[in-house]
Amino acid sequence: MTHTHNSSTTSAEFNARPRDDELDLFGITHVGKVRTENQDHFLVATVHPELVLHETSLPRPQSLPIHGTRLATVMLVADGVGGSTGGREASQLAIESIMKYVSSTLRCYHAAGSSEEEEFVDALRAAALEAHAAVRAESAQRPEVHRMATTLTLFIAVWPWAYVMQVGDSRAYHYHSGELKQMTRDQTIAQDLVDQGVLAPDRVAKSPFSNVLASAIGADAALPEVSRVKMDGRGVFLLCSDGLTKHVKDDEIAAELKALTSSEASCRKLLDLALERGGSDNITVIIARATNKGRSHKSP
């Protein structure tokens, strides 16, 4: 689900781009209070070009610009399909596969937000399908494992655009100007029924299909959906597994992000809230924002 556009990054927008030392990124995962194994995995990273210096006659090689300016901020949440023997391995393999793909396709970053954006979006979808193929291949080699499947939510910010690639029902949110918006669509049978007008939205939580995935990495079908939002300098992004949203409502997430003082503090508060209310599943939360270091709050 992408929207075509015709835009170019102005010098003002580029100059407003947060510096590396302004990023406030934090992620946390917890097994919860019911499960015996944590099948969630997450990753938070920034992508940089790097000069690998092998030999030189220069007297002060340490002064060379080895570490280049940040190309992108990357965050991932993968939630192994509940109860499956290979859920933990599937979520780990999916993230490893995605990161191999992300690091090997740096040439696509220039296309983000440009007239060639479809190349970038296609690369995100291809990354998901690479992960899907990797998990299915591993599952085929392990007949003792009933199935291997996982959700996968990938956030990638290439200033001034933030993209989210979604498979499954882990979520990505964007908090901006007092409003929390879900950037992802839950790929569950229940949500499909809502979209078809068969099920009322307020009955999703009680539906027996609320946790039945219609799309997952490693399952019969993996249907990556891509959405995006333009970052204007004041947003906060949150990714989570459904272990959080089973217990914490959107308005409570919004209230926490409104009061946010640090990404770590808010991650821990939301985790504690989910645990206090039963912690019935593995819980993973990631928050990203930029700190105010002499400038207004900016997105990653």
Foldseek 3Di string as FASTA:
>chain_A
DEDDDADDQDPVLVVLDDFPVQKFKDKDWDFFDADPDFLKDKDKDWDWDADDDDDDPDPCVVPDPGTHGTQKIKMKIKGFQPPFPQSSVLNVLLVVQLVVLVNVPSVLSVLPPHNNNVSVVVSVVVSLVSSLVRQLVVCVVCVVTPFTWIWMWMWMCGPQKIKIKTWAAWWKWKADPLDIDTQDQHQWPLSVCVVVVNDPPVCLLVDPGNRHGPATRRDPHHDIDMYMDGWDFAMKMKTKGCLLVNQDPPVRLSVLVVVDPGQVVSNVVSVVRSNVRRSNGMIMMMMMWTHCDPHGTTGD
